[in-house]
């Protein structure tokens, strides 16, 4: 399956501006993930987890800097407006905590979510690195970040076993179902946008031309110049303000 996807990923990453845009997007996600981890460190009562979450947040901030620096280098230092592509869902970056409400999660469920997120990011980044042989600097960025992702996978799984012994399987399944639901919502939103665009385009080319034709025809039937309006006899001689 991986070998089948490589040509697709190569097509996505071959254009420098596309690479730059996606790297900048990845940087924004890493920053948001770092903020969520700092919030998680503030909320947990486990001192060991607090240290690990803060170290993880520092890694996310460093990743954001690496992605942003490389993205701007590909753009020659000129930032471009953020935009969305229909191909983005085929080459996602790390989802961070994926809009997870950190305040509502216990340590075990949060660690399960972190482990799955880091595992998915490590798998995707490894694939991207393989197709970036034509761009060694960008490949090096992914390889550097990939080592951290693998470390995050290990610590989150080890801590999950420590804080929730015997509950690893159920917590991972709950987190996996939550991620699948969020992925479905993202796909449904993207499809809704595509369908709306198609419908609006069809309306423009199917419904608008008849209206334009009849409006033009009506305009041609109107006489040019001034149109006389009959005088109102009730207002002759000054109207209601007259003597």
Protein backbone atom coordinates (compact mmCIF):
# COMPACT_ATOMS: atom_id res chain seq x y z
CA UNK A 1 0.00 0.00 0.00
CA UNK A 2 2.83 2.37 0.91
CA UNK A 3 4.56 1.82 -2.43
CA UNK A 4 1.30 2.57 -4.24
CA UNK A 5 0.93 5.90 -2.44
CA UNK A 6 4.47 7.09 -3.13
CA UNK A 7 3.73 8.39 -6.67
CA UNK A 8 0.77 10.33 -5.28
CA UNK A 9 2.85 11.88 -2.49
CA UNK A 10 5.60 12.69 -4.97
CA UNK A 11 3.06 14.54 -7.15
CA UNK A 12 1.87 16.51 -4.12
CA UNK A 13 5.34 17.46 -2.90
CA UNK A 14 7.09 18.06 -6.23
CA UNK A 15 6.03 21.71 -6.57
CA UNK A 16 8.13 24.11 -4.42
CA UNK A 17 5.21 26.44 -3.62
CA UNK A 18 3.02 23.50 -2.61
CA UNK A 19 5.80 22.22 -0.37
CA UNK A 20 6.20 25.66 1.15
CA UNK A 21 2.48 26.05 1.85
CA UNK A 22 2.20 22.64 3.47
CA UNK A 23 5.32 23.18 5.59
CA UNK A 24 3.91 26.48 6.86
CA UNK A 25 0.61 24.75 7.65
CA UNK A 26 2.47 22.00 9.51
CA UNK A 27 4.25 24.68 11.51
CA UNK A 28 0.95 26.22 12.61
CA UNK A 29 -0.35 22.82 13.72
CA UNK A 30 2.83 22.16 15.70
CA UNK A 31 2.47 25.51 17.48
CA UNK A 32 -1.13 24.75 18.40
CA UNK A 33 -0.14 21.30 19.63
CA UNK A 34 2.55 22.87 21.80
CA UNK A 35 0.03 25.25 23.35
CA UNK A 36 -2.32 22.35 24.09
CA UNK A 37 0.50 20.43 25.76
CA UNK A 38 1.39 23.40 27.93
CA UNK A 39 -2.25 23.56 28.99
CA UNK A 40 -2.19 19.82 29.74
CA UNK A 41 0.93 20.33 31.89
CA UNK A 42 -0.91 23.02 33.85
CA UNK A 43 -3.89 20.75 34.51
CA UNK A 44 -2.25 17.42 35.40
CA UNK A 45 -1.53 16.58 39.01
CA UNK A 46 1.20 14.12 38.02
CA UNK A 47 4.58 15.82 38.36
CA UNK A 48 6.28 13.35 36.01
CA UNK A 49 3.68 13.94 33.31
CA UNK A 50 4.01 17.68 33.80
CA UNK A 51 7.71 17.53 32.99
CA UNK A 52 7.14 15.27 29.99
CA UNK A 53 4.34 17.44 28.60
CA UNK A 54 6.48 20.56 28.89
CA UNK A 55 9.42 18.84 27.17
CA UNK A 56 7.06 17.67 24.44
CA UNK A 57 5.72 21.22 24.05
CA UNK A 58 9.28 22.53 23.58
CA UNK A 59 9.81 19.92 20.86
CA UNK A 60 6.60 21.04 19.12
CA UNK A 61 7.78 24.64 19.20
CA UNK A 62 11.13 23.64 17.69
CA UNK A 63 9.32 21.65 14.99
CA UNK A 64 7.19 24.68 14.18
CA UNK A 65 10.35 26.78 13.76
CA UNK A 66 11.94 24.16 11.49
CA UNK A 67 8.85 23.87 9.30
CA UNK A 68 8.40 27.62 9.07
CA UNK A 69 12.06 28.33 8.30
CA UNK A 70 12.14 25.76 5.52
CA UNK A 71 8.78 26.89 4.13
CA UNK A 72 9.94 30.52 3.95
CA UNK A 73 13.22 29.45 2.39
CA UNK A 74 11.27 27.75 -0.42
CA UNK A 75 9.37 31.00 -0.90
CA UNK A 76 12.58 33.07 -0.83
CA UNK A 77 11.43 34.59 2.46
CA UNK A 78 8.13 35.91 1.05
CA UNK A 79 5.15 34.60 3.05
CA UNK A 80 2.08 33.72 1.03
CA UNK A 81 -1.55 33.78 1.99
CA UNK A 82 -2.74 30.58 3.58
CA UNK A 83 -5.01 28.52 1.40
CA UNK A 84 -6.64 25.13 1.23
CA UNK A 85 -6.24 22.58 -1.49
CA UNK A 86 -8.50 19.67 -2.35
CA UNK A 87 -5.36 17.49 -2.09
CA UNK A 88 -4.58 18.46 1.52
CA UNK A 89 -6.44 15.51 3.02
CA UNK A 90 -4.15 13.17 1.04
CA UNK A 91 -1.02 14.53 2.69
CA UNK A 92 -1.91 15.55 6.23
CA UNK A 93 0.63 16.60 8.78
CA UNK A 94 0.49 16.03 12.49
CA UNK A 95 -2.96 16.74 13.86
CA UNK A 96 -1.65 17.74 17.27
CA UNK A 97 -4.41 17.15 19.80
CA UNK A 98 -6.92 17.61 16.95
CA UNK A 99 -9.30 20.06 18.65
CA UNK A 100 -9.35 17.88 21.75
CA UNK A 101 -10.72 19.63 24.86
CA UNK A 102 -7.73 19.15 27.13
CA UNK A 103 -9.71 20.32 30.17
CA UNK A 104 -12.19 17.47 29.74
CA UNK A 105 -9.65 14.65 29.39
CA UNK A 106 -8.02 12.52 32.07
CA UNK A 107 -4.32 11.75 31.91
CA UNK A 108 -4.88 8.27 30.49
CA UNK A 109 -7.19 9.30 27.64
CA UNK A 110 -4.92 12.25 26.80
CA UNK A 111 -1.86 10.00 26.62
CA UNK A 112 -3.72 7.55 24.36
CA UNK A 113 -4.65 10.39 22.02
CA UNK A 114 -1.09 11.72 22.00
CA UNK A 115 0.31 8.27 21.21
CA UNK A 116 -2.00 7.78 18.22
CA UNK A 117 -1.37 11.29 16.94
CA UNK A 118 2.40 10.88 17.15
CA UNK A 119 2.21 7.43 15.54
CA UNK A 120 0.23 8.81 12.59
CA UNK A 121 2.60 11.75 12.22
CA UNK A 122 5.66 9.47 12.30
CA UNK A 123 4.15 7.23 9.62
CA UNK A 124 3.23 10.17 7.37
CA UNK A 125 6.54 12.00 7.84
CA UNK A 126 8.47 8.82 6.96
CA UNK A 127 6.48 8.58 3.70
CA UNK A 128 7.09 12.23 2.85
CA UNK A 129 10.81 11.86 3.50
CA UNK A 130 11.02 8.99 1.01
CA UNK A 131 9.62 11.07 -1.85
CA UNK A 132 11.70 14.17 -1.09
CA UNK A 133 15.01 12.92 -2.46
CA UNK A 134 14.92 15.82 -4.94
CA UNK A 135 14.85 18.27 -1.99
CA UNK A 136 17.49 17.19 0.58
CA UNK A 137 16.98 20.20 2.93
CA UNK A 138 13.25 19.51 3.29
CA UNK A 139 13.95 15.79 3.61
CA UNK A 140 16.40 16.55 6.43
CA UNK A 141 13.71 18.56 8.27
CA UNK A 142 11.32 15.59 8.19
CA UNK A 143 14.06 13.16 9.23
CA UNK A 144 14.98 15.36 12.20
CA UNK A 145 11.38 15.76 13.34
CA UNK A 146 10.67 12.06 12.77
CA UNK A 147 13.18 11.11 15.47
CA UNK A 148 11.31 13.27 17.97
CA UNK A 149 7.94 11.82 16.94
CA UNK A 150 9.23 8.31 17.60
CA UNK A 151 10.43 9.41 21.03
CA UNK A 152 7.00 10.93 21.77
CA UNK A 153 5.35 7.65 20.74
CA UNK A 154 7.47 5.72 23.22
CA UNK A 155 7.02 8.02 26.21
CA UNK A 156 3.25 8.40 25.73
CA UNK A 157 2.72 4.62 25.57
CA UNK A 158 4.96 3.98 28.57
CA UNK A 159 3.19 6.65 30.63
CA UNK A 160 -0.21 5.32 29.54
CA UNK A 161 0.74 1.95 31.04
CA UNK A 162 1.92 3.69 34.22
CA UNK A 163 -1.08 5.97 34.89
CA UNK A 164 -3.76 3.54 33.63
CA UNK A 165 -2.42 0.01 34.12
CA UNK A 166 -4.52 -2.61 32.38
CA UNK A 167 -6.56 -0.04 30.46
CA UNK A 168 -4.23 0.57 27.52
CA UNK A 169 -6.35 -1.30 24.97
CA UNK A 170 -9.68 0.33 25.78
CA UNK A 171 -8.21 3.84 25.99
CA UNK A 172 -6.43 3.44 22.66
CA UNK A 173 -9.63 2.20 21.03
CA UNK A 174 -11.61 5.14 22.38
CA UNK A 175 -8.98 7.56 21.11
CA UNK A 176 -8.90 5.79 17.74
CA UNK A 177 -12.69 6.07 17.37
CA UNK A 178 -12.53 9.74 18.29
CA UNK A 179 -9.89 10.37 15.63
CA UNK A 180 -11.94 8.48 13.03
CA UNK A 181 -15.00 10.58 13.86
CA UNK A 182 -13.03 13.81 13.50
CA UNK A 183 -11.57 12.57 10.21
CA UNK A 184 -15.10 11.83 8.99
CA UNK A 185 -16.23 15.33 9.92
CA UNK A 186 -13.29 16.88 8.07
CA UNK A 187 -14.02 14.79 4.97
CA UNK A 188 -17.74 15.58 5.14
CA UNK A 189 -16.98 19.30 5.41
CA UNK A 190 -14.61 19.14 2.44
CA UNK A 191 -17.18 17.22 0.34
CA UNK A 192 -19.89 19.70 1.31
CA UNK A 193 -17.69 22.55 0.10
CA UNK A 194 -17.02 20.77 -3.21
CA UNK A 195 -20.72 19.99 -3.74
CA UNK A 196 -21.70 23.58 -2.92
CA UNK A 197 -19.15 24.86 -5.44
CA UNK A 198 -20.51 22.53 -8.13
CA UNK A 199 -24.11 23.56 -7.45
CA UNK A 200 -23.32 27.28 -7.46
CA UNK A 201 -21.34 26.91 -10.68
CA UNK A 202 -24.20 25.01 -12.31
CA UNK A 203 -26.65 27.69 -11.22
CA UNK A 204 -24.42 30.37 -12.67
CA UNK A 205 -24.20 28.73 -16.10
CA UNK A 206 -27.74 27.25 -16.25
CA UNK A 207 -30.05 29.70 -14.46
CA UNK A 208 -28.31 33.03 -14.95
CA UNK A 209 -28.21 33.07 -18.80
CA UNK A 210 -32.07 32.91 -19.20
CA UNK A 211 -32.50 35.73 -16.67
CA UNK A 212 -29.87 37.78 -18.48
CA UNK A 213 -31.57 37.09 -21.84
CA UNK A 214 -35.03 38.19 -20.66
CA UNK A 215 -33.61 41.24 -18.90
CA UNK A 216 -31.81 42.28 -22.06
CA UNK A 217 -34.94 41.66 -24.14
CA UNK A 218 -37.06 43.77 -21.80
CA UNK A 219 -34.50 46.55 -21.95
CA UNK A 220 -34.59 46.50 -25.75
CA UNK A 221 -38.41 46.80 -25.75
CA UNK A 222 -38.36 49.95 -23.64
CA UNK A 223 -38.52 53.27 -25.49
CA UNK A 224 -35.55 55.54 -25.26
CA UNK A 225 -35.73 59.11 -24.02
CA UNK A 226 -38.18 60.78 -21.64
CA UNK A 227 -41.53 59.17 -20.92
CA UNK A 228 -44.34 61.73 -20.32
CA UNK A 229 -46.22 61.32 -17.04
CA UNK A 230 -49.80 62.63 -16.83
CA UNK A 231 -50.17 65.62 -14.50
CA UNK A 232 -52.11 65.04 -11.27
CA UNK A 233 -55.01 67.46 -11.27
CA UNK A 234 -55.38 67.22 -7.47
CA UNK A 235 -52.00 68.87 -6.98
CA UNK A 236 -52.34 71.61 -9.64
CA UNK A 237 -52.25 75.10 -8.22
CA UNK A 238 -49.98 74.50 -5.22
CA UNK A 239 -51.34 71.34 -3.61
CA UNK A 240 -51.97 71.09 0.10
CA UNK A 241 -49.71 74.02 0.87
CA UNK A 242 -51.68 76.37 -1.43
CA UNK A 243 -54.15 79.05 -0.14
